[in-house]
Amino acid sequence: MSTGHTYSAIMARRAEIMRTAIGIDYDQYARGTLAFDYEGLLAGTGYDIETTRSVQQRTGVGDTPLVELTNVTALARAVAPPGKGARIFVKDEAKNPSG
């Protein structure tokens, strides 16, 4: 494993780091730039979707609250053309029960 400590050096070997750390080659589940074969990952680990959901629920994964940024929402609506405004939310990771 390369030992460069710059951000770009670490990111260049992130797949190798993940394989070494947890023994899963995530590259085999990538489907293009944005898609990921989640079912394939579960099948490869031996866990079905219901078991995974149960573990995630018990450990608080997926319970991170979304908080609307009302001032930013108001600003977006003020500068957007009619019908193009948005509600702006942020995930409040500080309140994430799973850490």
Protein backbone atom coordinates (compact mmCIF):
# COMPACT_ATOMS: atom_id res chain seq x y z
CA MET A 1 0.00 0.00 0.00
CA SER A 2 1.27 3.47 -0.89
CA THR A 3 2.08 5.72 2.05
CA GLY A 4 1.34 9.19 0.65
CA HIS A 5 -0.53 11.29 3.18
CA THR A 6 -1.96 13.99 0.94
CA TYR A 7 -5.69 14.07 0.33
CA SER A 8 -5.27 13.10 -3.31
CA ALA A 9 -2.93 10.20 -2.44
CA ILE A 10 -5.39 8.84 0.12
CA MET A 11 -8.37 9.22 -2.22
CA ALA A 12 -6.44 7.49 -5.01
CA ARG A 13 -6.15 4.38 -2.84
CA ARG A 14 -9.53 4.51 -1.09
CA ALA A 15 -10.74 1.23 -2.64
CA GLU A 16 -7.61 -0.51 -1.40
CA ILE A 17 -8.08 1.00 2.08
CA MET A 18 -11.69 -0.21 2.25
CA ARG A 19 -10.76 -3.72 1.05
CA THR A 20 -8.01 -3.95 3.67
CA ALA A 21 -10.10 -2.48 6.50
CA ILE A 22 -13.34 -4.42 6.09
CA GLY A 23 -12.66 -7.07 3.47
CA ILE A 24 -15.26 -5.89 0.95
CA ASP A 25 -14.38 -4.83 -2.59
CA TYR A 26 -16.99 -2.12 -3.20
CA ASP A 27 -15.75 -1.60 -6.77
CA GLN A 28 -17.45 -4.84 -7.83
CA TYR A 29 -20.81 -3.35 -6.83
CA ALA A 30 -20.39 0.02 -8.57
CA ARG A 31 -22.66 0.50 -11.57
CA GLY A 32 -21.35 3.62 -13.28
CA THR A 33 -20.72 6.91 -11.55
CA LEU A 34 -23.89 7.16 -9.46
CA ALA A 35 -25.42 3.68 -9.30
CA PHE A 36 -24.63 0.97 -6.77
CA ASP A 37 -25.79 -2.66 -6.60
CA TYR A 38 -27.01 -2.70 -2.98
CA GLU A 39 -28.74 -6.07 -3.36
CA GLY A 40 -25.51 -7.56 -4.72
CA LEU A 41 -23.60 -6.22 -1.72
CA LEU A 42 -26.13 -7.78 0.67
CA ALA A 43 -26.00 -11.11 -1.15
CA GLY A 44 -22.20 -11.03 -1.01
CA THR A 45 -22.21 -10.53 2.76
CA GLY A 46 -24.89 -13.12 3.48
CA TYR A 47 -27.44 -10.65 4.90
CA ASP A 48 -30.88 -10.22 3.36
CA ILE A 49 -32.59 -6.83 3.16
CA GLU A 50 -34.86 -7.48 6.16
CA THR A 51 -31.94 -8.44 8.42
CA THR A 52 -30.06 -5.36 7.27
CA ARG A 53 -33.05 -3.11 7.96
CA SER A 54 -33.45 -4.65 11.41
CA VAL A 55 -29.80 -4.02 12.30
CA GLN A 56 -29.98 -0.47 10.97
CA GLN A 57 -33.15 0.25 12.93
CA ARG A 58 -31.70 -1.12 16.19
CA THR A 59 -28.56 1.00 15.81
CA GLY A 60 -30.30 4.21 14.72
CA VAL A 61 -29.01 4.23 11.15
CA GLY A 62 -31.38 6.23 8.98
CA ASP A 63 -32.83 8.23 11.87
CA THR A 64 -30.77 11.36 11.29
CA PRO A 65 -33.21 14.27 11.48
CA LEU A 66 -33.71 16.62 8.55
CA VAL A 67 -33.98 20.26 9.58
CA GLU A 68 -35.41 22.90 7.28
CA LEU A 69 -33.21 25.96 6.95
CA THR A 70 -36.09 28.43 6.92
CA ASN A 71 -33.98 31.52 6.29
CA VAL A 72 -32.16 29.86 3.38
CA THR A 73 -35.50 28.57 2.05
CA ALA A 74 -36.89 32.12 2.18
CA LEU A 75 -33.80 33.43 0.39
CA ALA A 76 -34.05 30.77 -2.34
CA ARG A 77 -37.69 31.63 -2.89
CA ALA A 78 -36.96 35.37 -2.93
CA VAL A 79 -34.40 35.11 -5.73
CA ALA A 80 -35.99 32.28 -7.75
CA PRO A 81 -38.47 32.90 -10.56
CA PRO A 82 -42.13 32.09 -9.78
CA GLY A 83 -42.67 28.36 -9.36
CA LYS A 84 -38.95 27.64 -9.04
CA GLY A 85 -38.37 28.14 -5.30
CA ALA A 86 -37.23 25.30 -3.08
CA ARG A 87 -37.34 24.14 0.51
CA ILE A 88 -33.78 23.72 1.79
CA PHE A 89 -33.01 20.99 4.34
CA VAL A 90 -29.85 19.78 6.04
CA LYS A 91 -29.18 16.47 7.79
CA ASP A 92 -28.41 17.25 11.42
CA GLU A 93 -25.59 14.74 11.94
CA ALA A 94 -24.95 16.10 15.45
CA LYS A 95 -28.27 14.50 16.45
CA ASN A 96 -27.55 11.22 14.67
CA PRO A 97 -28.29 8.46 17.21
CA SER A 98 -25.80 6.04 15.65
CA GLY A 99 -22.85 8.38 16.06
